[in-house]
Amino acid sequence: MEKMIDPVCGMKVKGKELTSLYGGKNYYFCNSHCKEEFDRNPLKYTR
């Protein structure tokens, strides 16, 4: 099972409602603010 940790804030993510696909991988977010931040600059959070 894929570990669901918000790449922006580091919190554990309980649901799969907020996701972004980047580089062939799904990223999960705890809230819309973190998702929007990731979507603006995914390279910052995927290095």
C-alpha atoms as a PDB file:
ATOM      1  CA  MET A   1       0.000   0.000   0.000  1.00  0.00           C
ATOM      2  CA  GLU A   2       1.276   3.451  -0.952  1.00  0.00           C
ATOM      3  CA  LYS A   3       2.250   5.614   2.003  1.00  0.00           C
ATOM      4  CA  MET A   4      -0.010   8.675   2.055  1.00  0.00           C
ATOM      5  CA  ILE A   5       1.920  11.640   3.411  1.00  0.00           C
ATOM      6  CA  ASP A   6       1.192  15.191   2.289  1.00  0.00           C
ATOM      7  CA  PRO A   7       4.432  16.279   0.530  1.00  0.00           C
ATOM      8  CA  VAL A   8       3.836  19.942   1.401  1.00  0.00           C
ATOM      9  CA  CYS A   9       3.261  19.795   5.172  1.00  0.00           C
ATOM     10  CA  GLY A  10       4.256  16.204   6.025  1.00  0.00           C
ATOM     11  CA  MET A  11       0.953  15.251   7.651  1.00  0.00           C
ATOM     12  CA  LYS A  12      -0.558  11.787   7.272  1.00  0.00           C
ATOM     13  CA  VAL A  13      -3.421  11.830   4.779  1.00  0.00           C
ATOM     14  CA  LYS A  14      -6.530   9.843   5.691  1.00  0.00           C
ATOM     15  CA  GLY A  15      -8.573  10.211   2.502  1.00  0.00           C
ATOM     16  CA  LYS A  16      -7.882  10.189  -1.195  1.00  0.00           C
ATOM     17  CA  GLU A  17     -10.087  13.136  -2.174  1.00  0.00           C
ATOM     18  CA  LEU A  18      -7.288  15.609  -2.871  1.00  0.00           C
ATOM     19  CA  THR A  19      -4.701  14.215  -5.268  1.00  0.00           C
ATOM     20  CA  SER A  20      -2.309  15.347  -7.973  1.00  0.00           C
ATOM     21  CA  LEU A  21      -0.558  13.204 -10.531  1.00  0.00           C
ATOM     22  CA  TYR A  22       3.041  14.222 -11.187  1.00  0.00           C
ATOM     23  CA  GLY A  23       5.789  12.212 -12.851  1.00  0.00           C
ATOM     24  CA  GLY A  24       3.541   9.162 -13.024  1.00  0.00           C
ATOM     25  CA  LYS A  25       2.979   9.143  -9.248  1.00  0.00           C
ATOM     26  CA  ASN A  26      -0.073  10.142  -7.221  1.00  0.00           C
ATOM     27  CA  TYR A  27       0.434  12.628  -4.400  1.00  0.00           C
ATOM     28  CA  TYR A  28      -2.161  13.063  -1.652  1.00  0.00           C
ATOM     29  CA  PHE A  29      -2.979  16.180   0.357  1.00  0.00           C
ATOM     30  CA  CYS A  30      -4.587  16.935   3.706  1.00  0.00           C
ATOM     31  CA  ASN A  31      -6.263  20.133   2.478  1.00  0.00           C
ATOM     32  CA  SER A  32      -6.801  22.228  -0.649  1.00  0.00           C
ATOM     33  CA  HIS A  33      -4.151  24.780   0.337  1.00  0.00           C
ATOM     34  CA  CYS A  34      -1.425  22.108   0.286  1.00  0.00           C
ATOM     35  CA  LYS A  35      -2.664  20.761  -3.048  1.00  0.00           C
ATOM     36  CA  GLU A  36      -2.652  24.237  -4.604  1.00  0.00           C
ATOM     37  CA  GLU A  37       0.858  24.891  -3.275  1.00  0.00           C
ATOM     38  CA  PHE A  38       2.096  21.597  -4.744  1.00  0.00           C
ATOM     39  CA  ASP A  39       0.395  22.230  -8.099  1.00  0.00           C
ATOM     40  CA  ARG A  40       2.109  25.632  -8.381  1.00  0.00           C
ATOM     41  CA  ASN A  41       5.604  24.138  -7.970  1.00  0.00           C
ATOM     42  CA  PRO A  42       5.712  20.311  -7.818  1.00  0.00           C
ATOM     43  CA  LEU A  43       9.495  20.158  -8.293  1.00  0.00           C
ATOM     44  CA  LYS A  44       9.959  21.848  -4.925  1.00  0.00           C
ATOM     45  CA  TYR A  45       8.231  18.908  -3.202  1.00  0.00           C
ATOM     46  CA  THR A  46       9.410  15.932  -5.289  1.00  0.00           C
ATOM     47  CA  ARG A  47      13.192  16.185  -5.222  1.00  0.00           C
END
